[in-house]
N, C-alpha and C. Protein backbone atom coordinates (compact mmCIF):
# COMPACT_ATOMS: atom_id res chain seq x y z
N MET A 1 0.83 -1.18 0.00
CA MET A 1 0.00 0.00 0.00
C MET A 1 0.89 1.25 0.00
N ARG A 2 0.55 2.25 -0.77
CA ARG A 2 1.38 3.44 -0.94
C ARG A 2 1.37 4.37 0.25
N THR A 3 0.43 4.22 1.15
CA THR A 3 0.36 5.15 2.27
C THR A 3 1.34 4.80 3.38
N SER A 4 1.95 3.66 3.31
CA SER A 4 2.91 3.24 4.32
C SER A 4 4.21 4.02 4.16
N PHE A 5 4.67 4.63 5.23
CA PHE A 5 5.89 5.43 5.18
C PHE A 5 7.13 4.55 5.03
N ASN A 6 7.09 3.36 5.58
CA ASN A 6 8.25 2.48 5.57
C ASN A 6 8.27 1.58 4.34
N ASN A 7 7.76 2.00 3.23
CA ASN A 7 7.73 1.19 2.03
C ASN A 7 8.52 1.85 0.90
N PRO A 8 9.83 2.09 1.12
CA PRO A 8 10.62 2.71 0.07
C PRO A 8 11.13 1.72 -0.97
N GLY A 9 10.73 0.45 -0.87
CA GLY A 9 11.22 -0.60 -1.75
C GLY A 9 11.25 -0.24 -3.22
N PRO A 10 10.13 0.18 -3.81
CA PRO A 10 10.14 0.43 -5.25
C PRO A 10 10.98 1.65 -5.65
N LEU A 11 11.33 2.48 -4.71
CA LEU A 11 12.14 3.66 -5.05
C LEU A 11 13.60 3.31 -5.33
N LYS A 12 14.12 2.31 -4.66
CA LYS A 12 15.54 1.96 -4.82
C LYS A 12 15.90 1.65 -6.27
N PRO A 13 15.12 0.80 -6.96
CA PRO A 13 15.45 0.56 -8.38
C PRO A 13 15.35 1.83 -9.23
N ARG A 14 14.42 2.71 -8.89
CA ARG A 14 14.28 3.96 -9.64
C ARG A 14 15.46 4.89 -9.37
N LEU A 15 15.95 4.91 -8.13
CA LEU A 15 17.14 5.71 -7.82
C LEU A 15 18.35 5.16 -8.56
N ASP A 16 18.44 3.83 -8.62
CA ASP A 16 19.55 3.20 -9.37
C ASP A 16 19.45 3.53 -10.85
N ALA A 17 18.23 3.49 -11.40
CA ALA A 17 18.04 3.83 -12.81
C ALA A 17 18.41 5.30 -13.06
N LEU A 18 18.06 6.14 -12.12
CA LEU A 18 18.42 7.56 -12.22
C LEU A 18 19.94 7.72 -12.25
N ALA A 19 20.63 7.03 -11.35
CA ALA A 19 22.09 7.11 -11.31
C ALA A 19 22.69 6.59 -12.62
N ARG A 20 22.13 5.51 -13.15
CA ARG A 20 22.64 4.97 -14.42
C ARG A 20 22.43 5.97 -15.56
N GLN A 21 21.26 6.59 -15.59
CA GLN A 21 20.98 7.57 -16.65
C GLN A 21 21.90 8.78 -16.54
N ILE A 22 22.16 9.21 -15.33
CA ILE A 22 23.10 10.33 -15.14
C ILE A 22 24.49 9.92 -15.60
N ASN A 23 24.89 8.67 -15.34
CA ASN A 23 26.20 8.19 -15.80
C ASN A 23 26.29 8.17 -17.31
N VAL A 24 25.18 7.86 -18.00
CA VAL A 24 25.16 7.89 -19.47
C VAL A 24 25.40 9.32 -19.95
N VAL A 25 24.73 10.28 -19.31
CA VAL A 25 24.92 11.69 -19.70
C VAL A 25 26.36 12.11 -19.42
N MET A 26 26.91 11.69 -18.29
CA MET A 26 28.31 12.06 -17.97
C MET A 26 29.27 11.46 -19.00
N ALA A 27 29.00 10.25 -19.47
CA ALA A 27 29.85 9.65 -20.50
C ALA A 27 29.79 10.47 -21.79
N LYS A 28 28.60 10.96 -22.15
CA LYS A 28 28.48 11.82 -23.32
C LYS A 28 29.27 13.11 -23.14
N LEU A 29 29.18 13.67 -21.94
CA LEU A 29 29.93 14.89 -21.66
C LEU A 29 31.43 14.63 -21.72
N ASP A 30 31.87 13.47 -21.23
CA ASP A 30 33.30 13.11 -21.31
C ASP A 30 33.75 13.02 -22.77
N SER A 31 32.91 12.39 -23.59
CA SER A 31 33.23 12.27 -25.01
C SER A 31 33.33 13.64 -25.66
N SER A 32 32.40 14.51 -25.34
CA SER A 32 32.43 15.86 -25.88
C SER A 32 33.65 16.62 -25.40
N MET A 33 34.01 16.41 -24.15
CA MET A 33 35.18 17.11 -23.59
C MET A 33 36.45 16.66 -24.30
N ALA A 34 36.54 15.39 -24.67
CA ALA A 34 37.71 14.92 -25.41
C ALA A 34 37.80 15.63 -26.76
N LYS A 35 36.67 15.79 -27.43
CA LYS A 35 36.66 16.50 -28.72
C LYS A 35 37.03 17.97 -28.52
N ILE A 36 36.55 18.54 -27.43
CA ILE A 36 36.87 19.95 -27.14
C ILE A 36 38.36 20.10 -26.88
N ARG A 37 38.95 19.16 -26.15
CA ARG A 37 40.40 19.21 -25.89
C ARG A 37 41.18 19.14 -27.19
N ASP A 38 40.76 18.24 -28.10
CA ASP A 38 41.44 18.11 -29.39
C ASP A 38 41.32 19.40 -30.19
N ARG A 39 40.12 19.97 -30.21
CA ARG A 39 39.90 21.23 -30.94
C ARG A 39 40.74 22.35 -30.32
N ASP A 40 40.80 22.37 -28.99
CA ASP A 40 41.59 23.37 -28.28
C ASP A 40 43.06 23.26 -28.67
N ALA A 41 43.59 22.05 -28.66
CA ALA A 41 45.01 21.84 -28.98
C ALA A 41 45.31 22.31 -30.41
N ALA A 42 44.41 21.97 -31.35
CA ALA A 42 44.62 22.37 -32.74
C ALA A 42 44.57 23.89 -32.89
N LEU A 43 43.58 24.51 -32.27
CA LEU A 43 43.47 25.98 -32.36
C LEU A 43 44.63 26.67 -31.67
N PHE A 44 45.07 26.12 -30.55
CA PHE A 44 46.20 26.71 -29.83
C PHE A 44 47.45 26.67 -30.70
N ALA A 45 47.69 25.51 -31.34
CA ALA A 45 48.86 25.38 -32.21
C ALA A 45 48.79 26.38 -33.37
N LYS A 46 47.61 26.53 -33.96
CA LYS A 46 47.45 27.48 -35.07
C LYS A 46 47.63 28.92 -34.59
N THR A 47 47.16 29.19 -33.37
CA THR A 47 47.30 30.54 -32.81
C THR A 47 48.77 30.86 -32.59
N VAL A 48 49.49 29.91 -32.02
CA VAL A 48 50.93 30.10 -31.77
C VAL A 48 51.65 30.32 -33.10
N ALA A 49 51.32 29.51 -34.09
CA ALA A 49 51.97 29.65 -35.41
C ALA A 49 51.68 31.02 -36.01
N ALA A 50 50.45 31.49 -35.90
CA ALA A 50 50.09 32.80 -36.44
C ALA A 50 50.83 33.92 -35.71
N VAL A 51 50.97 33.78 -34.39
CA VAL A 51 51.69 34.79 -33.62
C VAL A 51 53.16 34.79 -34.03
N GLN A 52 53.74 33.62 -34.21
CA GLN A 52 55.14 33.53 -34.61
C GLN A 52 55.38 34.13 -35.99
N LYS A 53 54.39 33.99 -36.88
CA LYS A 53 54.50 34.55 -38.23
C LYS A 53 54.07 36.02 -38.26
N ARG A 54 53.69 36.55 -37.11
CA ARG A 54 53.24 37.92 -36.96
C ARG A 54 52.00 38.24 -37.81
N GLU A 55 51.14 37.23 -37.95
CA GLU A 55 49.86 37.40 -38.62
C GLU A 55 48.83 37.76 -37.55
N THR A 56 48.81 39.03 -37.17
CA THR A 56 48.03 39.46 -36.01
C THR A 56 46.53 39.28 -36.19
N GLN A 57 46.01 39.57 -37.36
CA GLN A 57 44.57 39.41 -37.56
C GLN A 57 44.16 37.94 -37.45
N ARG A 58 44.92 37.09 -38.10
CA ARG A 58 44.62 35.65 -38.04
C ARG A 58 44.78 35.15 -36.61
N ALA A 59 45.83 35.56 -35.94
CA ALA A 59 46.07 35.13 -34.56
C ALA A 59 44.92 35.58 -33.66
N SER A 60 44.46 36.80 -33.88
CA SER A 60 43.36 37.33 -33.09
C SER A 60 42.07 36.53 -33.34
N MET A 61 41.79 36.23 -34.59
CA MET A 61 40.61 35.45 -34.93
C MET A 61 40.68 34.06 -34.29
N LEU A 62 41.84 33.42 -34.41
CA LEU A 62 42.02 32.09 -33.83
C LEU A 62 41.92 32.13 -32.30
N ALA A 63 42.49 33.17 -31.71
CA ALA A 63 42.44 33.31 -30.25
C ALA A 63 41.00 33.50 -29.78
N ASN A 64 40.20 34.24 -30.54
CA ASN A 64 38.78 34.41 -30.18
C ASN A 64 38.03 33.08 -30.27
N GLU A 65 38.29 32.33 -31.32
CA GLU A 65 37.66 31.03 -31.47
C GLU A 65 38.10 30.09 -30.35
N LEU A 66 39.38 30.16 -30.00
CA LEU A 66 39.92 29.34 -28.91
C LEU A 66 39.24 29.70 -27.59
N ALA A 67 39.02 30.99 -27.37
CA ALA A 67 38.35 31.42 -26.15
C ALA A 67 36.93 30.86 -26.09
N GLU A 68 36.23 30.84 -27.21
CA GLU A 68 34.87 30.29 -27.25
C GLU A 68 34.88 28.78 -26.99
N VAL A 69 35.84 28.09 -27.57
CA VAL A 69 35.96 26.64 -27.35
C VAL A 69 36.21 26.37 -25.87
N ARG A 70 37.04 27.18 -25.26
CA ARG A 70 37.34 27.00 -23.83
C ARG A 70 36.13 27.33 -22.96
N LYS A 71 35.33 28.29 -23.40
CA LYS A 71 34.12 28.63 -22.65
C LYS A 71 33.15 27.43 -22.67
N VAL A 72 33.03 26.81 -23.83
CA VAL A 72 32.18 25.61 -23.94
C VAL A 72 32.76 24.48 -23.10
N GLY A 73 34.08 24.34 -23.14
CA GLY A 73 34.74 23.30 -22.33
C GLY A 73 34.49 23.49 -20.85
N LYS A 74 34.53 24.73 -20.42
CA LYS A 74 34.26 25.02 -19.01
C LYS A 74 32.82 24.66 -18.65
N MET A 75 31.89 24.99 -19.53
CA MET A 75 30.48 24.68 -19.28
C MET A 75 30.26 23.16 -19.22
N VAL A 76 30.89 22.43 -20.13
CA VAL A 76 30.75 20.97 -20.14
C VAL A 76 31.36 20.37 -18.88
N THR A 77 32.53 20.87 -18.49
CA THR A 77 33.18 20.38 -17.27
C THR A 77 32.32 20.68 -16.05
N GLN A 78 31.79 21.88 -15.99
CA GLN A 78 30.93 22.28 -14.87
C GLN A 78 29.69 21.40 -14.80
N SER A 79 29.08 21.13 -15.93
CA SER A 79 27.89 20.28 -15.97
C SER A 79 28.20 18.87 -15.51
N ARG A 80 29.32 18.35 -15.96
CA ARG A 80 29.71 17.00 -15.57
C ARG A 80 29.95 16.92 -14.07
N LEU A 81 30.64 17.91 -13.53
CA LEU A 81 30.91 17.91 -12.08
C LEU A 81 29.62 17.99 -11.27
N ALA A 82 28.68 18.80 -11.73
CA ALA A 82 27.40 18.91 -11.03
C ALA A 82 26.65 17.58 -11.06
N LEU A 83 26.67 16.91 -12.20
CA LEU A 83 26.02 15.60 -12.30
C LEU A 83 26.72 14.57 -11.42
N GLU A 84 28.03 14.66 -11.37
CA GLU A 84 28.81 13.75 -10.52
C GLU A 84 28.42 13.93 -9.05
N GLN A 85 28.22 15.18 -8.64
CA GLN A 85 27.78 15.45 -7.26
C GLN A 85 26.42 14.83 -6.99
N ILE A 86 25.52 14.89 -7.96
CA ILE A 86 24.20 14.31 -7.79
C ILE A 86 24.31 12.79 -7.60
N VAL A 87 25.14 12.14 -8.43
CA VAL A 87 25.30 10.69 -8.30
C VAL A 87 25.88 10.34 -6.94
N LEU A 88 26.86 11.10 -6.49
CA LEU A 88 27.44 10.83 -5.16
C LEU A 88 26.39 10.97 -4.07
N ARG A 89 25.55 11.96 -4.18
CA ARG A 89 24.48 12.14 -3.19
C ARG A 89 23.45 11.03 -3.28
N LEU A 90 23.13 10.60 -4.49
CA LEU A 90 22.17 9.51 -4.66
C LEU A 90 22.67 8.23 -3.98
N ASN A 91 23.97 8.01 -4.07
CA ASN A 91 24.54 6.80 -3.48
C ASN A 91 24.52 6.80 -1.96
N THR A 92 24.32 7.96 -1.35
CA THR A 92 24.30 8.05 0.11
C THR A 92 22.90 8.19 0.68
N VAL A 93 21.88 8.21 -0.17
CA VAL A 93 20.49 8.35 0.28
C VAL A 93 20.07 7.07 1.01
N THR A 94 19.54 7.24 2.24
CA THR A 94 19.09 6.07 2.99
C THR A 94 17.67 6.21 3.53
N GLU A 95 17.17 7.42 3.68
CA GLU A 95 15.84 7.62 4.25
C GLU A 95 15.02 8.52 3.34
N MET A 96 13.71 8.49 3.55
CA MET A 96 12.80 9.30 2.74
C MET A 96 13.17 10.78 2.80
N GLY A 97 13.43 11.29 3.98
CA GLY A 97 13.80 12.69 4.13
C GLY A 97 15.06 13.02 3.36
N ASP A 98 16.00 12.07 3.35
CA ASP A 98 17.23 12.25 2.58
C ASP A 98 16.93 12.37 1.09
N ILE A 99 15.97 11.58 0.64
CA ILE A 99 15.64 11.60 -0.79
C ILE A 99 15.15 12.99 -1.18
N VAL A 100 14.25 13.54 -0.39
CA VAL A 100 13.71 14.87 -0.71
C VAL A 100 14.80 15.92 -0.66
N SER A 101 15.61 15.91 0.40
CA SER A 101 16.64 16.94 0.53
C SER A 101 17.75 16.78 -0.50
N THR A 102 17.92 15.59 -1.05
CA THR A 102 18.92 15.37 -2.08
C THR A 102 18.38 15.68 -3.47
N LEU A 103 17.17 15.22 -3.74
CA LEU A 103 16.65 15.33 -5.10
C LEU A 103 16.05 16.69 -5.44
N ALA A 104 15.55 17.41 -4.46
CA ALA A 104 14.97 18.73 -4.75
C ALA A 104 16.02 19.68 -5.36
N PRO A 105 17.21 19.81 -4.74
CA PRO A 105 18.22 20.66 -5.39
C PRO A 105 18.73 20.04 -6.69
N ALA A 106 18.76 18.72 -6.75
CA ALA A 106 19.24 18.05 -7.97
C ALA A 106 18.36 18.40 -9.16
N THR A 107 17.06 18.54 -8.93
CA THR A 107 16.14 18.90 -10.00
C THR A 107 16.49 20.27 -10.58
N SER A 108 16.77 21.22 -9.71
CA SER A 108 17.17 22.56 -10.18
C SER A 108 18.49 22.51 -10.94
N ILE A 109 19.42 21.71 -10.44
CA ILE A 109 20.73 21.58 -11.10
C ILE A 109 20.56 21.00 -12.49
N VAL A 110 19.76 19.94 -12.61
CA VAL A 110 19.56 19.29 -13.91
C VAL A 110 18.88 20.25 -14.89
N ARG A 111 17.92 21.02 -14.42
CA ARG A 111 17.27 22.01 -15.31
C ARG A 111 18.28 23.04 -15.81
N SER A 112 19.15 23.48 -14.92
CA SER A 112 20.17 24.45 -15.30
C SER A 112 21.13 23.85 -16.32
N ILE A 113 21.54 22.61 -16.08
CA ILE A 113 22.44 21.93 -17.02
C ILE A 113 21.77 21.78 -18.37
N LYS A 114 20.49 21.41 -18.37
CA LYS A 114 19.76 21.22 -19.62
C LYS A 114 19.74 22.51 -20.43
N GLN A 115 19.51 23.63 -19.75
CA GLN A 115 19.51 24.94 -20.43
C GLN A 115 20.88 25.23 -21.04
N ASP A 116 21.94 25.00 -20.26
CA ASP A 116 23.29 25.31 -20.72
C ASP A 116 23.73 24.41 -21.87
N ILE A 117 23.44 23.14 -21.76
CA ILE A 117 23.95 22.16 -22.72
C ILE A 117 23.14 22.10 -24.01
N SER A 118 21.87 22.47 -23.96
CA SER A 118 20.99 22.29 -25.13
C SER A 118 21.54 22.95 -26.39
N GLY A 119 22.13 24.12 -26.28
CA GLY A 119 22.66 24.80 -27.45
C GLY A 119 23.97 24.20 -27.95
N VAL A 120 24.72 23.59 -27.05
CA VAL A 120 26.03 23.06 -27.38
C VAL A 120 25.98 21.59 -27.78
N MET A 121 25.16 20.83 -27.08
CA MET A 121 25.05 19.39 -27.32
C MET A 121 23.58 19.00 -27.44
N PRO A 122 22.95 19.29 -28.56
CA PRO A 122 21.52 18.99 -28.70
C PRO A 122 21.20 17.50 -28.52
N ASP A 123 22.13 16.62 -28.88
CA ASP A 123 21.88 15.19 -28.74
C ASP A 123 21.80 14.74 -27.28
N ALA A 124 22.39 15.48 -26.37
CA ALA A 124 22.35 15.13 -24.95
C ALA A 124 21.11 15.71 -24.27
N GLU A 125 20.44 16.63 -24.92
CA GLU A 125 19.28 17.29 -24.31
C GLU A 125 18.18 16.29 -23.96
N GLY A 126 17.93 15.32 -24.83
CA GLY A 126 16.90 14.31 -24.57
C GLY A 126 17.22 13.47 -23.35
N GLN A 127 18.48 13.08 -23.23
CA GLN A 127 18.88 12.27 -22.08
C GLN A 127 18.82 13.07 -20.79
N ILE A 128 19.19 14.32 -20.85
CA ILE A 128 19.09 15.16 -19.66
C ILE A 128 17.62 15.38 -19.30
N GLY A 129 16.77 15.49 -20.31
CA GLY A 129 15.33 15.58 -20.08
C GLY A 129 14.80 14.33 -19.40
N GLU A 130 15.31 13.18 -19.79
CA GLU A 130 14.91 11.92 -19.16
C GLU A 130 15.34 11.88 -17.69
N VAL A 131 16.55 12.38 -17.42
CA VAL A 131 17.03 12.47 -16.03
C VAL A 131 16.09 13.37 -15.23
N SER A 132 15.72 14.49 -15.82
CA SER A 132 14.82 15.44 -15.16
C SER A 132 13.47 14.80 -14.87
N SER A 133 12.94 14.04 -15.82
CA SER A 133 11.66 13.35 -15.63
C SER A 133 11.75 12.31 -14.52
N LEU A 134 12.82 11.54 -14.51
CA LEU A 134 13.01 10.54 -13.45
C LEU A 134 13.06 11.22 -12.08
N LEU A 135 13.83 12.29 -12.00
CA LEU A 135 13.93 13.03 -10.74
C LEU A 135 12.57 13.54 -10.28
N SER A 136 11.84 14.16 -11.18
CA SER A 136 10.53 14.71 -10.82
C SER A 136 9.58 13.61 -10.38
N GLY A 137 9.57 12.49 -11.09
CA GLY A 137 8.70 11.37 -10.74
C GLY A 137 9.00 10.82 -9.36
N ILE A 138 10.27 10.67 -9.07
CA ILE A 138 10.66 10.15 -7.75
C ILE A 138 10.27 11.14 -6.67
N LEU A 139 10.48 12.42 -6.91
CA LEU A 139 10.11 13.44 -5.91
C LEU A 139 8.61 13.43 -5.64
N VAL A 140 7.82 13.32 -6.69
CA VAL A 140 6.36 13.29 -6.52
C VAL A 140 5.96 12.07 -5.70
N ASP A 141 6.53 10.91 -6.03
CA ASP A 141 6.20 9.68 -5.30
C ASP A 141 6.62 9.76 -3.84
N VAL A 142 7.81 10.28 -3.59
CA VAL A 142 8.28 10.40 -2.21
C VAL A 142 7.40 11.36 -1.43
N GLY A 143 7.00 12.43 -2.07
CA GLY A 143 6.11 13.40 -1.41
C GLY A 143 4.77 12.79 -1.07
N SER A 144 4.24 11.94 -1.96
CA SER A 144 2.94 11.33 -1.68
C SER A 144 3.04 10.19 -0.68
N ILE A 145 4.16 9.49 -0.66
CA ILE A 145 4.33 8.37 0.28
C ILE A 145 4.52 8.89 1.70
N GLY A 146 5.44 9.81 1.85
CA GLY A 146 5.79 10.24 3.20
C GLY A 146 5.10 11.50 3.65
N GLY A 147 4.31 12.10 2.80
CA GLY A 147 3.68 13.35 3.18
C GLY A 147 4.69 14.47 3.30
N ASN A 148 5.85 14.31 2.68
CA ASN A 148 6.89 15.34 2.75
C ASN A 148 6.53 16.50 1.84
N THR A 149 6.83 17.70 2.29
CA THR A 149 6.67 18.87 1.44
C THR A 149 8.06 19.35 1.09
N ILE A 150 8.20 19.84 -0.10
CA ILE A 150 9.51 20.25 -0.60
C ILE A 150 9.62 21.76 -0.46
N ASN A 151 10.66 22.19 0.21
CA ASN A 151 10.93 23.62 0.35
C ASN A 151 11.81 24.02 -0.84
N PHE A 152 11.18 24.53 -1.88
CA PHE A 152 11.93 24.84 -3.10
C PHE A 152 12.89 25.99 -2.94
N GLU A 153 12.61 26.90 -2.03
CA GLU A 153 13.52 28.01 -1.79
C GLU A 153 14.86 27.48 -1.27
N THR A 154 14.79 26.61 -0.26
CA THR A 154 16.00 25.99 0.27
C THR A 154 16.67 25.13 -0.78
N ALA A 155 15.86 24.38 -1.52
CA ALA A 155 16.40 23.50 -2.57
C ALA A 155 17.16 24.31 -3.61
N ASN A 156 16.60 25.46 -4.02
CA ASN A 156 17.26 26.28 -5.02
C ASN A 156 18.54 26.90 -4.49
N GLU A 157 18.56 27.25 -3.20
CA GLU A 157 19.79 27.77 -2.59
C GLU A 157 20.87 26.69 -2.61
N GLU A 158 20.49 25.46 -2.27
CA GLU A 158 21.45 24.35 -2.29
C GLU A 158 21.92 24.09 -3.72
N ALA A 159 21.01 24.18 -4.67
CA ALA A 159 21.38 23.97 -6.07
C ALA A 159 22.37 25.04 -6.52
N GLU A 160 22.10 26.29 -6.17
CA GLU A 160 23.02 27.37 -6.54
C GLU A 160 24.39 27.16 -5.91
N ARG A 161 24.41 26.72 -4.66
CA ARG A 161 25.68 26.45 -3.99
C ARG A 161 26.44 25.32 -4.70
N ALA A 162 25.73 24.26 -5.07
CA ALA A 162 26.36 23.14 -5.77
C ALA A 162 26.89 23.58 -7.13
N LEU A 163 26.10 24.39 -7.84
CA LEU A 163 26.55 24.88 -9.15
C LEU A 163 27.76 25.81 -9.01
N SER A 164 27.78 26.61 -7.96
CA SER A 164 28.93 27.49 -7.72
C SER A 164 30.19 26.68 -7.44
N GLU A 165 30.04 25.63 -6.63
CA GLU A 165 31.19 24.75 -6.36
C GLU A 165 31.68 24.12 -7.65
N ALA A 166 30.75 23.63 -8.46
CA ALA A 166 31.14 23.00 -9.73
C ALA A 166 31.82 24.01 -10.64
N ALA A 167 31.35 25.24 -10.65
CA ALA A 167 31.97 26.27 -11.49
C ALA A 167 33.39 26.56 -11.04
N ALA A 168 33.61 26.62 -9.74
CA ALA A 168 34.95 26.89 -9.22
C ALA A 168 35.91 25.76 -9.58
N VAL A 169 35.46 24.53 -9.41
CA VAL A 169 36.31 23.38 -9.74
C VAL A 169 36.56 23.33 -11.25
N ALA A 170 35.53 23.60 -12.05
CA ALA A 170 35.69 23.59 -13.50
C ALA A 170 36.71 24.65 -13.93
N GLU A 171 36.64 25.82 -13.32
CA GLU A 171 37.58 26.89 -13.65
C GLU A 171 39.02 26.46 -13.37
N SER A 172 39.24 25.85 -12.20
CA SER A 172 40.61 25.43 -11.86
C SER A 172 41.08 24.30 -12.77
N ARG A 173 40.18 23.37 -13.12
CA ARG A 173 40.57 22.28 -14.03
C ARG A 173 40.89 22.81 -15.41
N MET A 174 40.13 23.79 -15.88
CA MET A 174 40.39 24.35 -17.20
C MET A 174 41.75 25.05 -17.22
N LYS A 175 42.08 25.75 -16.15
CA LYS A 175 43.38 26.42 -16.09
C LYS A 175 44.52 25.42 -16.06
N GLU A 176 44.30 24.27 -15.40
CA GLU A 176 45.32 23.23 -15.34
C GLU A 176 45.53 22.57 -16.70
N LYS A 177 44.43 22.31 -17.40
CA LYS A 177 44.49 21.49 -18.61
C LYS A 177 44.86 22.27 -19.86
N PHE A 178 44.50 23.55 -19.92
CA PHE A 178 44.71 24.31 -21.14
C PHE A 178 45.69 25.44 -20.92
N PRO A 179 46.70 25.54 -21.78
CA PRO A 179 47.68 26.62 -21.63
C PRO A 179 47.06 27.97 -22.00
N ASP A 180 47.71 29.04 -21.53
CA ASP A 180 47.24 30.38 -21.84
C ASP A 180 47.45 30.67 -23.32
N ILE A 181 46.60 31.52 -23.86
CA ILE A 181 46.69 31.91 -25.25
C ILE A 181 47.84 32.90 -25.38
N PRO A 182 48.74 32.68 -26.34
CA PRO A 182 49.88 33.59 -26.47
C PRO A 182 49.45 34.96 -26.98
N GLU A 183 50.03 35.99 -26.38
CA GLU A 183 49.71 37.34 -26.83
C GLU A 183 50.73 37.81 -27.86
N SER A 184 51.97 37.39 -27.71
CA SER A 184 52.99 37.74 -28.69
C SER A 184 54.10 36.71 -28.60
N VAL A 185 55.00 36.76 -29.55
CA VAL A 185 56.11 35.83 -29.57
C VAL A 185 57.14 36.29 -28.54
N GLY A 186 57.41 35.43 -27.60
CA GLY A 186 58.39 35.76 -26.58
C GLY A 186 59.69 35.08 -26.90
N GLU A 187 60.56 34.94 -25.92
CA GLU A 187 61.83 34.29 -26.12
C GLU A 187 61.66 32.79 -26.16
N GLU A 188 60.52 32.31 -25.64
CA GLU A 188 60.30 30.87 -25.65
C GLU A 188 59.87 30.44 -27.04
N SER A 189 60.18 29.22 -27.39
CA SER A 189 59.69 28.70 -28.66
C SER A 189 58.49 27.82 -28.36
N PHE A 190 57.43 28.03 -29.10
CA PHE A 190 56.20 27.26 -28.91
C PHE A 190 56.15 26.17 -29.94
N GLU A 191 55.78 24.99 -29.53
CA GLU A 191 55.63 23.88 -30.46
C GLU A 191 54.21 23.36 -30.34
N ALA A 192 53.70 22.85 -31.43
CA ALA A 192 52.34 22.27 -31.42
C ALA A 192 52.32 21.05 -30.53
N ALA A 193 51.29 20.92 -29.77
CA ALA A 193 51.16 19.78 -28.85
C ALA A 193 50.72 18.55 -29.58
């Protein structure tokens, strides 16, 4: 009977399915990030070559394109980190109250990711939409089973905090992985990676 508070049995497989679906989306993001890294390396090499040849207009154009590629890379990295946080939280859920406090902010995070990624990776939008639907369905069921009410204001604050953390980590990872764009030819010699 659905009115029993101690009947979370059917939710566990749905939480596992949610985690699996999020892992599928993260794999897509990883694949896209690999392509972004390759594109970054190629553009960086071309930018360095243009700077060395003193082709300032071409170097400037390439540097602008490189900056856009890096912006997309940062967004993809940030989205992946946010999804990773959701999976980690899902793996620690043990009680009904935990489910609500974990999934309510996750719903906001997934909506934000869907907005950001839809223009860059349209093929992933459907899968992220499926994650969003699974999350919403589980939240509705948990609310009806346990009589829990969701405080969306608190949930959105937690979501914003999680997204801010992901943005900070993404920024530091991007700085580690991608070299700075050359402004001019210095004494160092640049070689294509």
